[in-house]
Amino acid sequence: MTEIFVDADACPVKSEVVRVAERHGLKVFLVANGGIRPSPSPLVQIVVVPDGPDAADMWIAERIGPADICITQDTPLAAKCLAAGATALRGNGEPFTQANIGNALAMRDLMADLRAADPFRAGSGKSFTKADRSRFLNALETAIQKAKRLTR
């Protein structure tokens, strides 16, 4: 059965994931190193991992499988999820795919190098919008429907 794994530390769509998962009866793992409010939903499991680099990512990568869905902004985690046969979505609904993951990893590395070269370089400054939330909900619904077809 499909499960949803959320890299929850900075995820702006946790409540949307839970709402959609409840409608479909899917288990959700909210994985973070702390600071997550408990959910009243019996389908939600809060997973608190130890502090440390990529602890949440490693927990998810070790457990995710085909027909599962991961919600993350972390490109290397998305690559691991795709390698496991899972679906990976950004919080704005953009899918990570086999066709775009290589470019996404390269862009991540390039941006890290640029930030290292100019420590005063600001981030993208792009805020999360209602359109992003709507796009995410549509993408999650599509991913769940696809996963259901795979598990029949």
C-alpha atoms as a PDB file:
ATOM      1  CA  MET A   1       0.000   0.000   0.000  1.00  0.00           C
ATOM      2  CA  THR A   2       1.159   3.514  -0.789  1.00  0.00           C
ATOM      3  CA  GLU A   3       2.644   5.573   2.035  1.00  0.00           C
ATOM      4  CA  ILE A   4       3.557   9.255   2.033  1.00  0.00           C
ATOM      5  CA  PHE A   5       6.865  10.410   3.497  1.00  0.00           C
ATOM      6  CA  VAL A   6       7.272  14.115   4.274  1.00  0.00           C
ATOM      7  CA  ASP A   7      10.649  15.749   4.831  1.00  0.00           C
ATOM      8  CA  ALA A   8       8.865  17.950   7.338  1.00  0.00           C
ATOM      9  CA  ASP A   9      11.433  20.365   8.770  1.00  0.00           C
ATOM     10  CA  ALA A  10      10.570  23.221   6.400  1.00  0.00           C
ATOM     11  CA  CYS A  11       7.634  21.759   4.499  1.00  0.00           C
ATOM     12  CA  PRO A  12       4.909  24.359   3.836  1.00  0.00           C
ATOM     13  CA  VAL A  13       2.239  21.800   2.899  1.00  0.00           C
ATOM     14  CA  LYS A  14       2.096  19.373   5.832  1.00  0.00           C
ATOM     15  CA  SER A  15      -1.575  20.034   6.576  1.00  0.00           C
ATOM     16  CA  GLU A  16      -2.479  19.614   2.884  1.00  0.00           C
ATOM     17  CA  VAL A  17      -0.666  16.268   2.772  1.00  0.00           C
ATOM     18  CA  VAL A  18      -2.575  15.055   5.822  1.00  0.00           C
ATOM     19  CA  ARG A  19      -5.920  16.221   4.432  1.00  0.00           C
ATOM     20  CA  VAL A  20      -5.400  14.450   1.091  1.00  0.00           C
ATOM     21  CA  ALA A  21      -3.976  11.320   2.753  1.00  0.00           C
ATOM     22  CA  GLU A  22      -6.998  11.060   5.051  1.00  0.00           C
ATOM     23  CA  ARG A  23      -9.319  11.225   2.046  1.00  0.00           C
ATOM     24  CA  HIS A  24      -7.470   8.265   0.513  1.00  0.00           C
ATOM     25  CA  GLY A  25      -6.780   6.372   3.744  1.00  0.00           C
ATOM     26  CA  LEU A  26      -2.980   6.578   3.324  1.00  0.00           C
ATOM     27  CA  LYS A  27      -0.400   6.525   6.087  1.00  0.00           C
ATOM     28  CA  VAL A  28       1.777   9.643   6.408  1.00  0.00           C
ATOM     29  CA  PHE A  29       5.205   9.884   8.032  1.00  0.00           C
ATOM     30  CA  LEU A  30       6.176  13.432   9.058  1.00  0.00           C
ATOM     31  CA  VAL A  31       9.938  13.144   9.530  1.00  0.00           C
ATOM     32  CA  ALA A  32      11.946  15.907  11.234  1.00  0.00           C
ATOM     33  CA  ASN A  33      14.503  16.491  13.937  1.00  0.00           C
ATOM     34  CA  GLY A  34      11.901  18.110  16.191  1.00  0.00           C
ATOM     35  CA  GLY A  35       9.436  20.937  16.454  1.00  0.00           C
ATOM     36  CA  ILE A  36       6.443  19.263  14.796  1.00  0.00           C
ATOM     37  CA  ARG A  37       3.008  19.483  16.354  1.00  0.00           C
ATOM     38  CA  PRO A  38       1.247  16.185  16.911  1.00  0.00           C
ATOM     39  CA  SER A  39      -1.534  15.361  14.500  1.00  0.00           C
ATOM     40  CA  PRO A  40      -4.912  14.100  15.674  1.00  0.00           C
ATOM     41  CA  SER A  41      -5.101  11.858  12.609  1.00  0.00           C
ATOM     42  CA  PRO A  42      -4.493   8.163  13.300  1.00  0.00           C
ATOM     43  CA  LEU A  43      -2.922   7.933   9.826  1.00  0.00           C
ATOM     44  CA  VAL A  44      -0.093  10.315  10.741  1.00  0.00           C
ATOM     45  CA  GLN A  45       3.076   9.144  12.422  1.00  0.00           C
ATOM     46  CA  ILE A  46       5.473  11.809  13.671  1.00  0.00           C
ATOM     47  CA  VAL A  47       9.060  10.590  13.368  1.00  0.00           C
ATOM     48  CA  VAL A  48      11.671  12.579  15.290  1.00  0.00           C
ATOM     49  CA  VAL A  49      15.183  11.774  14.137  1.00  0.00           C
ATOM     50  CA  PRO A  50      18.408  12.762  15.914  1.00  0.00           C
ATOM     51  CA  ASP A  51      20.002  16.095  15.108  1.00  0.00           C
ATOM     52  CA  GLY A  52      22.591  15.830  12.427  1.00  0.00           C
ATOM     53  CA  PRO A  53      23.060  16.365   8.744  1.00  0.00           C
ATOM     54  CA  ASP A  54      20.551  14.514   6.607  1.00  0.00           C
ATOM     55  CA  ALA A  55      19.165  12.343   9.443  1.00  0.00           C
ATOM     56  CA  ALA A  56      15.572  12.803   8.203  1.00  0.00           C
ATOM     57  CA  ASP A  57      16.682  12.154   4.625  1.00  0.00           C
ATOM     58  CA  MET A  58      18.420   8.923   5.595  1.00  0.00           C
ATOM     59  CA  TRP A  59      15.374   7.719   7.566  1.00  0.00           C
ATOM     60  CA  ILE A  60      13.113   8.295   4.562  1.00  0.00           C
ATOM     61  CA  ALA A  61      15.550   6.847   2.000  1.00  0.00           C
ATOM     62  CA  GLU A  62      15.924   3.638   4.026  1.00  0.00           C
ATOM     63  CA  ARG A  63      12.163   3.024   4.112  1.00  0.00           C
ATOM     64  CA  ILE A  64      10.623   4.393   0.923  1.00  0.00           C
ATOM     65  CA  GLY A  65       9.726   2.005  -1.863  1.00  0.00           C
ATOM     66  CA  PRO A  66       7.907   1.699  -5.149  1.00  0.00           C
ATOM     67  CA  ALA A  67       4.435   3.282  -5.175  1.00  0.00           C
ATOM     68  CA  ASP A  68       5.352   5.497  -2.191  1.00  0.00           C
ATOM     69  CA  ILE A  69       5.433   9.292  -2.374  1.00  0.00           C
ATOM     70  CA  CYS A  70       7.993  11.668  -0.862  1.00  0.00           C
ATOM     71  CA  ILE A  71       7.410  15.389  -0.334  1.00  0.00           C
ATOM     72  CA  THR A  72      10.738  17.204  -0.126  1.00  0.00           C
ATOM     73  CA  GLN A  73      12.708  20.238  -1.239  1.00  0.00           C
ATOM     74  CA  ASP A  74      15.923  18.211  -0.889  1.00  0.00           C
ATOM     75  CA  THR A  75      17.207  17.218  -4.317  1.00  0.00           C
ATOM     76  CA  PRO A  76      19.602  14.447  -3.180  1.00  0.00           C
ATOM     77  CA  LEU A  77      16.770  12.860  -1.159  1.00  0.00           C
ATOM     78  CA  ALA A  78      14.503  13.087  -4.198  1.00  0.00           C
ATOM     79  CA  ALA A  79      17.173  11.300  -6.272  1.00  0.00           C
ATOM     80  CA  LYS A  80      17.294   8.464  -3.709  1.00  0.00           C
ATOM     81  CA  CYS A  81      13.508   8.195  -3.717  1.00  0.00           C
ATOM     82  CA  LEU A  82      13.394   8.019  -7.517  1.00  0.00           C
ATOM     83  CA  ALA A  83      16.095   5.332  -7.445  1.00  0.00           C
ATOM     84  CA  ALA A  84      13.852   3.328  -5.091  1.00  0.00           C
ATOM     85  CA  GLY A  85      10.976   3.579  -7.578  1.00  0.00           C
ATOM     86  CA  ALA A  86       9.033   6.164  -5.560  1.00  0.00           C
ATOM     87  CA  THR A  87       7.502   9.474  -6.601  1.00  0.00           C
ATOM     88  CA  ALA A  88       9.067  12.706  -5.315  1.00  0.00           C
ATOM     89  CA  LEU A  89       7.368  16.103  -5.271  1.00  0.00           C
ATOM     90  CA  ARG A  90       8.490  19.544  -4.182  1.00  0.00           C
ATOM     91  CA  GLY A  91       6.205  21.473  -1.861  1.00  0.00           C
ATOM     92  CA  ASN A  92       5.069  23.612  -4.783  1.00  0.00           C
ATOM     93  CA  GLY A  93       3.932  20.537  -6.724  1.00  0.00           C
ATOM     94  CA  GLU A  94       6.898  20.337  -9.087  1.00  0.00           C
ATOM     95  CA  PRO A  95       7.704  16.678  -9.648  1.00  0.00           C
ATOM     96  CA  PHE A  96      11.211  15.316  -9.536  1.00  0.00           C
ATOM     97  CA  THR A  97      11.576  12.865 -12.421  1.00  0.00           C
ATOM     98  CA  GLN A  98      14.263  10.703 -13.991  1.00  0.00           C
ATOM     99  CA  ALA A  99      14.355  13.287 -16.787  1.00  0.00           C
ATOM    100  CA  ASN A 100      15.003  16.314 -14.535  1.00  0.00           C
ATOM    101  CA  ILE A 101      16.828  14.968 -11.472  1.00  0.00           C
ATOM    102  CA  GLY A 102      20.311  15.200 -13.034  1.00  0.00           C
ATOM    103  CA  ASN A 103      19.784  18.851 -13.929  1.00  0.00           C
ATOM    104  CA  ALA A 104      18.303  19.558 -10.484  1.00  0.00           C
ATOM    105  CA  LEU A 105      21.362  18.022  -8.772  1.00  0.00           C
ATOM    106  CA  ALA A 106      23.718  20.016 -11.008  1.00  0.00           C
ATOM    107  CA  MET A 107      21.832  23.252 -10.300  1.00  0.00           C
ATOM    108  CA  ARG A 108      21.926  22.540  -6.566  1.00  0.00           C
ATOM    109  CA  ASP A 109      25.698  22.086  -6.707  1.00  0.00           C
ATOM    110  CA  LEU A 110      26.145  25.232  -8.801  1.00  0.00           C
ATOM    111  CA  MET A 111      24.093  27.313  -6.375  1.00  0.00           C
ATOM    112  CA  ALA A 112      26.057  25.915  -3.425  1.00  0.00           C
ATOM    113  CA  ASP A 113      29.285  26.952  -5.146  1.00  0.00           C
ATOM    114  CA  LEU A 114      27.915  30.442  -5.856  1.00  0.00           C
ATOM    115  CA  ARG A 115      26.826  30.875  -2.228  1.00  0.00           C
ATOM    116  CA  ALA A 116      30.253  29.724  -1.035  1.00  0.00           C
ATOM    117  CA  ALA A 117      31.947  32.239  -3.336  1.00  0.00           C
ATOM    118  CA  ASP A 118      29.702  35.105  -2.169  1.00  0.00           C
ATOM    119  CA  PRO A 119      28.515  34.616   1.415  1.00  0.00           C
ATOM    120  CA  PHE A 120      26.358  37.758   1.161  1.00  0.00           C
ATOM    121  CA  ARG A 121      24.395  36.345  -1.773  1.00  0.00           C
ATOM    122  CA  ALA A 122      20.725  36.296  -0.866  1.00  0.00           C
ATOM    123  CA  GLY A 123      18.408  33.367  -1.517  1.00  0.00           C
ATOM    124  CA  SER A 124      15.868  33.299  -4.327  1.00  0.00           C
ATOM    125  CA  GLY A 125      13.432  35.376  -2.265  1.00  0.00           C
ATOM    126  CA  LYS A 126      10.540  33.575  -3.929  1.00  0.00           C
ATOM    127  CA  SER A 127       7.634  33.260  -1.527  1.00  0.00           C
ATOM    128  CA  PHE A 128       5.181  30.391  -1.338  1.00  0.00           C
ATOM    129  CA  THR A 129       1.894  31.374  -3.011  1.00  0.00           C
ATOM    130  CA  LYS A 130      -1.695  30.161  -3.152  1.00  0.00           C
ATOM    131  CA  ALA A 131      -0.967  29.015  -6.724  1.00  0.00           C
ATOM    132  CA  ASP A 132       1.933  26.898  -5.402  1.00  0.00           C
ATOM    133  CA  ARG A 133      -0.392  25.319  -2.829  1.00  0.00           C
ATOM    134  CA  SER A 134      -3.024  24.594  -5.468  1.00  0.00           C
ATOM    135  CA  ARG A 135      -0.418  23.137  -7.850  1.00  0.00           C
ATOM    136  CA  PHE A 136       0.857  20.944  -5.010  1.00  0.00           C
ATOM    137  CA  LEU A 137      -2.622  19.601  -4.206  1.00  0.00           C
ATOM    138  CA  ASN A 138      -3.186  18.704  -7.864  1.00  0.00           C
ATOM    139  CA  ALA A 139       0.241  17.060  -8.145  1.00  0.00           C
ATOM    140  CA  LEU A 140      -0.283  15.036  -4.959  1.00  0.00           C
ATOM    141  CA  GLU A 141      -3.699  13.835  -6.101  1.00  0.00           C
ATOM    142  CA  THR A 142      -2.213  12.810  -9.463  1.00  0.00           C
ATOM    143  CA  ALA A 143       0.664  10.977  -7.753  1.00  0.00           C
ATOM    144  CA  ILE A 144      -1.738   9.103  -5.469  1.00  0.00           C
ATOM    145  CA  GLN A 145      -3.942   8.040  -8.370  1.00  0.00           C
ATOM    146  CA  LYS A 146      -0.861   6.812 -10.262  1.00  0.00           C
ATOM    147  CA  ALA A 147       0.362   4.909  -7.188  1.00  0.00           C
ATOM    148  CA  LYS A 148      -3.043   3.265  -6.755  1.00  0.00           C
ATOM    149  CA  ARG A 149      -2.920   2.028 -10.345  1.00  0.00           C
ATOM    150  CA  LEU A 150       0.559   0.561  -9.713  1.00  0.00           C
ATOM    151  CA  THR A 151      -0.553  -1.360  -6.624  1.00  0.00           C
ATOM    152  CA  ARG A 152      -3.656  -2.967  -8.129  1.00  0.00           C
END
